[in-house]
Amino acid sequence: SHAVMLASPADLHDFALGFGLTEGLLAH
């Protein structure tokens, strides 16, 4: 587990990808 955030339950895949990239957990 890395984080719990408030978000709209739409487009969850995009939300996860954006979080991973922004936080440096994913390089691409």
PDB file of all heavy atoms in Angstrom:
ATOM      1  N   SER A   1       0.841  -1.194   0.000  1.00  0.00           N
ATOM      2  CA  SER A   1       0.000   0.000   0.000  1.00  0.00           C
ATOM      3  C   SER A   1       0.881   1.250   0.000  1.00  0.00           C
ATOM      4  O   SER A   1       1.810   1.364   0.795  1.00  0.00           O
ATOM      5  CB  SER A   1      -0.907  -0.004   1.228  1.00  0.00           C
ATOM      6  OG  SER A   1      -1.725   1.139   1.223  1.00  0.00           O
ATOM      7  N   HIS A   2       0.577   2.182  -0.921  1.00  0.00           N
ATOM      8  CA  HIS A   2       1.380   3.409  -1.019  1.00  0.00           C
ATOM      9  C   HIS A   2       0.631   4.653  -0.588  1.00  0.00           C
ATOM     10  O   HIS A   2       1.236   5.562  -0.038  1.00  0.00           O
ATOM     11  CB  HIS A   2       1.911   3.595  -2.446  1.00  0.00           C
ATOM     12  CG  HIS A   2       3.099   2.757  -2.739  1.00  0.00           C
ATOM     13  ND1 HIS A   2       4.381   3.164  -2.490  1.00  0.00           N
ATOM     14  CD2 HIS A   2       3.206   1.514  -3.220  1.00  0.00           C
ATOM     15  CE1 HIS A   2       5.229   2.206  -2.819  1.00  0.00           C
ATOM     16  NE2 HIS A   2       4.534   1.190  -3.259  1.00  0.00           N
ATOM     17  N   ALA A   3      -0.668   4.717  -0.873  1.00  0.00           N
ATOM     18  CA  ALA A   3      -1.404   5.936  -0.550  1.00  0.00           C
ATOM     19  C   ALA A   3      -2.898   5.668  -0.615  1.00  0.00           C
ATOM     20  O   ALA A   3      -3.357   4.747  -1.290  1.00  0.00           O
ATOM     21  CB  ALA A   3      -1.047   7.051  -1.534  1.00  0.00           C
ATOM     22  N   VAL A   4      -3.632   6.502   0.109  1.00  0.00           N
ATOM     23  CA  VAL A   4      -5.084   6.560  -0.020  1.00  0.00           C
ATOM     24  C   VAL A   4      -5.419   8.012  -0.302  1.00  0.00           C
ATOM     25  O   VAL A   4      -4.988   8.914   0.418  1.00  0.00           O
ATOM     26  CB  VAL A   4      -5.803   6.089   1.265  1.00  0.00           C
ATOM     27  CG1 VAL A   4      -7.308   6.238   1.110  1.00  0.00           C
ATOM     28  CG2 VAL A   4      -5.430   4.653   1.593  1.00  0.00           C
ATOM     29  N   MET A   5      -6.143   8.218  -1.389  1.00  0.00           N
ATOM     30  CA  MET A   5      -6.478   9.580  -1.812  1.00  0.00           C
ATOM     31  C   MET A   5      -7.963   9.659  -2.101  1.00  0.00           C
ATOM     32  O   MET A   5      -8.598   8.660  -2.424  1.00  0.00           O
ATOM     33  CB  MET A   5      -5.681   9.950  -3.064  1.00  0.00           C
ATOM     34  CG  MET A   5      -4.181   9.858  -2.868  1.00  0.00           C
ATOM     35  SD  MET A   5      -3.264  10.225  -4.360  1.00  0.00           S
ATOM     36  CE  MET A   5      -3.593  11.958  -4.522  1.00  0.00           C
ATOM     37  N   LEU A   6      -8.523  10.858  -2.044  1.00  0.00           N
ATOM     38  CA  LEU A   6      -9.894  11.073  -2.483  1.00  0.00           C
ATOM     39  C   LEU A   6      -9.874  11.334  -3.972  1.00  0.00           C
ATOM     40  O   LEU A   6      -9.076  12.138  -4.465  1.00  0.00           O
ATOM     41  CB  LEU A   6     -10.527  12.259  -1.753  1.00  0.00           C
ATOM     42  CG  LEU A   6     -10.935  12.018  -0.315  1.00  0.00           C
ATOM     43  CD1 LEU A   6     -11.507  13.290   0.299  1.00  0.00           C
ATOM     44  CD2 LEU A   6     -11.939  10.885  -0.207  1.00  0.00           C
ATOM     45  N   ALA A   7     -10.756  10.649  -4.690  1.00  0.00           N
ATOM     46  CA  ALA A   7     -10.813  10.821  -6.141  1.00  0.00           C
ATOM     47  C   ALA A   7     -12.195  10.441  -6.639  1.00  0.00           C
ATOM     48  O   ALA A   7     -12.948   9.738  -5.961  1.00  0.00           O
ATOM     49  CB  ALA A   7      -9.760   9.945  -6.818  1.00  0.00           C
ATOM     50  N   SER A   8     -12.497  10.891  -7.828  1.00  0.00           N
ATOM     51  CA  SER A   8     -13.723  10.465  -8.497  1.00  0.00           C
ATOM     52  C   SER A   8     -13.533   9.013  -8.920  1.00  0.00           C
ATOM     53  O   SER A   8     -12.461   8.634  -9.382  1.00  0.00           O
ATOM     54  CB  SER A   8     -13.966  11.344  -9.731  1.00  0.00           C
ATOM     55  OG  SER A   8     -15.032  10.825 -10.473  1.00  0.00           O
ATOM     56  N   PRO A   9     -14.571   8.179  -8.767  1.00  0.00           N
ATOM     57  CA  PRO A   9     -14.399   6.770  -9.121  1.00  0.00           C
ATOM     58  C   PRO A   9     -14.442   6.494 -10.621  1.00  0.00           C
ATOM     59  O   PRO A   9     -14.595   5.360 -11.039  1.00  0.00           O
ATOM     60  CB  PRO A   9     -15.558   6.087  -8.391  1.00  0.00           C
ATOM     61  CG  PRO A   9     -16.591   7.136  -8.252  1.00  0.00           C
ATOM     62  CD  PRO A   9     -15.849   8.430  -8.129  1.00  0.00           C
ATOM     63  N   ALA A  10     -14.269   7.506 -11.440  1.00  0.00           N
ATOM     64  CA  ALA A  10     -14.216   7.326 -12.892  1.00  0.00           C
ATOM     65  C   ALA A  10     -12.757   7.322 -13.338  1.00  0.00           C
ATOM     66  O   ALA A  10     -11.898   7.941 -12.709  1.00  0.00           O
ATOM     67  CB  ALA A  10     -14.964   8.462 -13.595  1.00  0.00           C
ATOM     68  N   ASP A  11     -12.448   6.610 -14.395  1.00  0.00           N
ATOM     69  CA  ASP A  11     -11.108   6.594 -14.993  1.00  0.00           C
ATOM     70  C   ASP A  11     -10.028   6.188 -13.986  1.00  0.00           C
ATOM     71  O   ASP A  11      -8.968   6.810 -13.899  1.00  0.00           O
ATOM     72  CB  ASP A  11     -10.770   7.953 -15.611  1.00  0.00           C
ATOM     73  CG  ASP A  11     -11.793   8.372 -16.664  1.00  0.00           C
ATOM     74  OD1 ASP A  11     -12.188   7.507 -17.467  1.00  0.00           O
ATOM     75  OD2 ASP A  11     -12.192   9.545 -16.669  1.00  0.00           O
ATOM     76  N   LEU A  12     -10.303   5.132 -13.241  1.00  0.00           N
ATOM     77  CA  LEU A  12      -9.369   4.706 -12.189  1.00  0.00           C
ATOM     78  C   LEU A  12      -8.032   4.221 -12.742  1.00  0.00           C
ATOM     79  O   LEU A  12      -6.993   4.416 -12.123  1.00  0.00           O
ATOM     80  CB  LEU A  12     -10.020   3.623 -11.321  1.00  0.00           C
ATOM     81  CG  LEU A  12     -11.193   4.111 -10.462  1.00  0.00           C
ATOM     82  CD1 LEU A  12     -11.859   2.938  -9.757  1.00  0.00           C
ATOM     83  CD2 LEU A  12     -10.740   5.162  -9.467  1.00  0.00           C
ATOM     84  N   HIS A  13      -8.032   3.607 -13.924  1.00  0.00           N
ATOM     85  CA  HIS A  13      -6.771   3.162 -14.534  1.00  0.00           C
ATOM     86  C   HIS A  13      -5.877   4.366 -14.817  1.00  0.00           C
ATOM     87  O   HIS A  13      -4.673   4.357 -14.487  1.00  0.00           O
ATOM     88  CB  HIS A  13      -7.049   2.370 -15.812  1.00  0.00           C
ATOM     89  CG  HIS A  13      -5.823   1.778 -16.412  1.00  0.00           C
ATOM     90  ND1 HIS A  13      -4.957   2.506 -17.206  1.00  0.00           N
ATOM     91  CD2 HIS A  13      -5.286   0.541 -16.325  1.00  0.00           C
ATOM     92  CE1 HIS A  13      -3.959   1.739 -17.593  1.00  0.00           C
ATOM     93  NE2 HIS A  13      -4.131   0.540 -17.071  1.00  0.00           N
ATOM     94  N   ASP A  14      -6.437   5.404 -15.409  1.00  0.00           N
ATOM     95  CA  ASP A  14      -5.663   6.615 -15.691  1.00  0.00           C
ATOM     96  C   ASP A  14      -5.166   7.269 -14.403  1.00  0.00           C
ATOM     97  O   ASP A  14      -4.040   7.771 -14.343  1.00  0.00           O
ATOM     98  CB  ASP A  14      -6.502   7.616 -16.485  1.00  0.00           C
ATOM     99  CG  ASP A  14      -6.803   7.144 -17.887  1.00  0.00           C
ATOM    100  OD1 ASP A  14      -6.059   6.290 -18.406  1.00  0.00           O
ATOM    101  OD2 ASP A  14      -7.792   7.624 -18.477  1.00  0.00           O
ATOM    102  N   PHE A  15      -6.013   7.266 -13.380  1.00  0.00           N
ATOM    103  CA  PHE A  15      -5.627   7.826 -12.085  1.00  0.00           C
ATOM    104  C   PHE A  15      -4.419   7.080 -11.521  1.00  0.00           C
ATOM    105  O   PHE A  15      -3.442   7.682 -11.064  1.00  0.00           O
ATOM    106  CB  PHE A  15      -6.814   7.756 -11.120  1.00  0.00           C
ATOM    107  CG  PHE A  15      -6.511   8.242  -9.733  1.00  0.00           C
ATOM    108  CD1 PHE A  15      -6.364   9.594  -9.462  1.00  0.00           C
ATOM    109  CD2 PHE A  15      -6.381   7.348  -8.686  1.00  0.00           C
ATOM    110  CE1 PHE A  15      -6.077  10.041  -8.183  1.00  0.00           C
ATOM    111  CE2 PHE A  15      -6.103   7.777  -7.401  1.00  0.00           C
ATOM    112  CZ  PHE A  15      -5.956   9.132  -7.154  1.00  0.00           C
ATOM    113  N   ALA A  16      -4.471   5.737 -11.567  1.00  0.00           N
ATOM    114  CA  ALA A  16      -3.376   4.913 -11.043  1.00  0.00           C
ATOM    115  C   ALA A  16      -2.085   5.147 -11.822  1.00  0.00           C
ATOM    116  O   ALA A  16      -1.007   5.292 -11.234  1.00  0.00           O
ATOM    117  CB  ALA A  16      -3.769   3.442 -11.085  1.00  0.00           C
ATOM    118  N   LEU A  17      -2.180   5.179 -13.142  1.00  0.00           N
ATOM    119  CA  LEU A  17      -0.996   5.413 -13.975  1.00  0.00           C
ATOM    120  C   LEU A  17      -0.388   6.780 -13.689  1.00  0.00           C
ATOM    121  O   LEU A  17       0.830   6.907 -13.494  1.00  0.00           O
ATOM    122  CB  LEU A  17      -1.347   5.279 -15.458  1.00  0.00           C
ATOM    123  CG  LEU A  17      -0.223   5.580 -16.442  1.00  0.00           C
ATOM    124  CD1 LEU A  17       0.957   4.640 -16.235  1.00  0.00           C
ATOM    125  CD2 LEU A  17      -0.742   5.497 -17.875  1.00  0.00           C
ATOM    126  N   GLY A  18      -1.213   7.803 -13.636  1.00  0.00           N
ATOM    127  CA  GLY A  18      -0.723   9.157 -13.351  1.00  0.00           C
ATOM    128  C   GLY A  18      -0.061   9.261 -11.996  1.00  0.00           C
ATOM    129  O   GLY A  18       0.983   9.901 -11.846  1.00  0.00           O
ATOM    130  N   PHE A  19      -0.642   8.607 -10.998  1.00  0.00           N
ATOM    131  CA  PHE A  19      -0.044   8.618  -9.664  1.00  0.00           C
ATOM    132  C   PHE A  19       1.323   7.934  -9.691  1.00  0.00           C
ATOM    133  O   PHE A  19       2.299   8.459  -9.157  1.00  0.00           O
ATOM    134  CB  PHE A  19      -0.974   7.918  -8.655  1.00  0.00           C
ATOM    135  CG  PHE A  19      -0.404   7.884  -7.270  1.00  0.00           C
ATOM    136  CD1 PHE A  19      -0.598   8.935  -6.401  1.00  0.00           C
ATOM    137  CD2 PHE A  19       0.325   6.785  -6.833  1.00  0.00           C
ATOM    138  CE1 PHE A  19      -0.065   8.904  -5.119  1.00  0.00           C
ATOM    139  CE2 PHE A  19       0.868   6.743  -5.558  1.00  0.00           C
ATOM    140  CZ  PHE A  19       0.670   7.813  -4.696  1.00  0.00           C
ATOM    141  N   GLY A  20       1.385   6.763 -10.313  1.00  0.00           N
ATOM    142  CA  GLY A  20       2.639   6.015 -10.371  1.00  0.00           C
ATOM    143  C   GLY A  20       3.747   6.786 -11.067  1.00  0.00           C
ATOM    144  O   GLY A  20       4.900   6.801 -10.613  1.00  0.00           O
ATOM    145  N   LEU A  21       3.412   7.443 -12.154  1.00  0.00           N
ATOM    146  CA  LEU A  21       4.404   8.234 -12.895  1.00  0.00           C
ATOM    147  C   LEU A  21       4.832   9.472 -12.111  1.00  0.00           C
ATOM    148  O   LEU A  21       6.019   9.792 -12.013  1.00  0.00           O
ATOM    149  CB  LEU A  21       3.853   8.633 -14.265  1.00  0.00           C
ATOM    150  CG  LEU A  21       3.663   7.493 -15.266  1.00  0.00           C
ATOM    151  CD1 LEU A  21       2.856   7.968 -16.464  1.00  0.00           C
ATOM    152  CD2 LEU A  21       5.000   6.918 -15.699  1.00  0.00           C
ATOM    153  N   THR A  22       3.870  10.179 -11.562  1.00  0.00           N
ATOM    154  CA  THR A  22       4.154  11.421 -10.837  1.00  0.00           C
ATOM    155  C   THR A  22       4.994  11.178  -9.591  1.00  0.00           C
ATOM    156  O   THR A  22       5.890  11.956  -9.267  1.00  0.00           O
ATOM    157  CB  THR A  22       2.841  12.126 -10.449  1.00  0.00           C
ATOM    158  OG1 THR A  22       2.098  12.381 -11.641  1.00  0.00           O
ATOM    159  CG2 THR A  22       3.094  13.422  -9.725  1.00  0.00           C
ATOM    160  N   GLU A  23       4.725  10.076  -8.884  1.00  0.00           N
ATOM    161  CA  GLU A  23       5.446   9.777  -7.658  1.00  0.00           C
ATOM    162  C   GLU A  23       6.773   9.060  -7.904  1.00  0.00           C
ATOM    163  O   GLU A  23       7.483   8.724  -6.965  1.00  0.00           O
ATOM    164  CB  GLU A  23       4.565   8.935  -6.729  1.00  0.00           C
ATOM    165  CG  GLU A  23       3.356   9.687  -6.200  1.00  0.00           C
ATOM    166  CD  GLU A  23       3.737  10.905  -5.382  1.00  0.00           C
ATOM    167  OE1 GLU A  23       4.587  10.778  -4.473  1.00  0.00           O
ATOM    168  OE2 GLU A  23       3.181  11.987  -5.645  1.00  0.00           O
ATOM    169  N   GLY A  24       7.101   8.790  -9.175  1.00  0.00           N
ATOM    170  CA  GLY A  24       8.361   8.137  -9.494  1.00  0.00           C
ATOM    171  C   GLY A  24       8.369   6.643  -9.225  1.00  0.00           C
ATOM    172  O   GLY A  24       9.426   6.018  -9.213  1.00  0.00           O
ATOM    173  N   LEU A  25       7.202   6.057  -9.016  1.00  0.00           N
ATOM    174  CA  LEU A  25       7.110   4.610  -8.815  1.00  0.00           C
ATOM    175  C   LEU A  25       7.177   3.867 -10.146  1.00  0.00           C
ATOM    176  O   LEU A  25       7.477   2.677 -10.174  1.00  0.00           O
ATOM    177  CB  LEU A  25       5.810   4.272  -8.079  1.00  0.00           C
ATOM    178  CG  LEU A  25       5.671   4.916  -6.692  1.00  0.00           C
ATOM    179  CD1 LEU A  25       4.261   4.776  -6.167  1.00  0.00           C
ATOM    180  CD2 LEU A  25       6.678   4.302  -5.736  1.00  0.00           C
ATOM    181  N   LEU A  26       6.883   4.565 -11.222  1.00  0.00           N
ATOM    182  CA  LEU A  26       6.976   4.030 -12.581  1.00  0.00           C
ATOM    183  C   LEU A  26       7.844   4.969 -13.406  1.00  0.00           C
ATOM    184  O   LEU A  26       7.681   6.191 -13.335  1.00  0.00           O
ATOM    185  CB  LEU A  26       5.589   3.941 -13.233  1.00  0.00           C
ATOM    186  CG  LEU A  26       4.527   3.109 -12.522  1.00  0.00           C
ATOM    187  CD1 LEU A  26       3.161   3.330 -13.178  1.00  0.00           C
ATOM    188  CD2 LEU A  26       4.897   1.642 -12.548  1.00  0.00           C
ATOM    189  N   ALA A  27       8.759   4.418 -14.194  1.00  0.00           N
ATOM    190  CA  ALA A  27       9.597   5.241 -15.075  1.00  0.00           C
ATOM    191  C   ALA A  27       8.850   5.590 -16.356  1.00  0.00           C
ATOM    192  O   ALA A  27       9.051   6.652 -16.930  1.00  0.00           O
ATOM    193  CB  ALA A  27      10.897   4.521 -15.388  1.00  0.00           C
ATOM    194  N   HIS A  28       7.990   4.678 -16.807  1.00  0.00           N
ATOM    195  CA  HIS A  28       7.192   4.912 -18.017  1.00  0.00           C
ATOM    196  C   HIS A  28       5.939   4.038 -17.947  1.00  0.00           C
ATOM    197  O   HIS A  28       5.855   3.096 -17.139  1.00  0.00           O
ATOM    198  CB  HIS A  28       7.989   4.639 -19.296  1.00  0.00           C
ATOM    199  CG  HIS A  28       8.590   3.274 -19.354  1.00  0.00           C
ATOM    200  ND1 HIS A  28       7.883   2.160 -19.739  1.00  0.00           N
ATOM    201  CD2 HIS A  28       9.840   2.842 -19.041  1.00  0.00           C
ATOM    202  CE1 HIS A  28       8.667   1.100 -19.677  1.00  0.00           C
ATOM    203  NE2 HIS A  28       9.867   1.489 -19.250  1.00  0.00           N
TER     204      HIS A  28
END
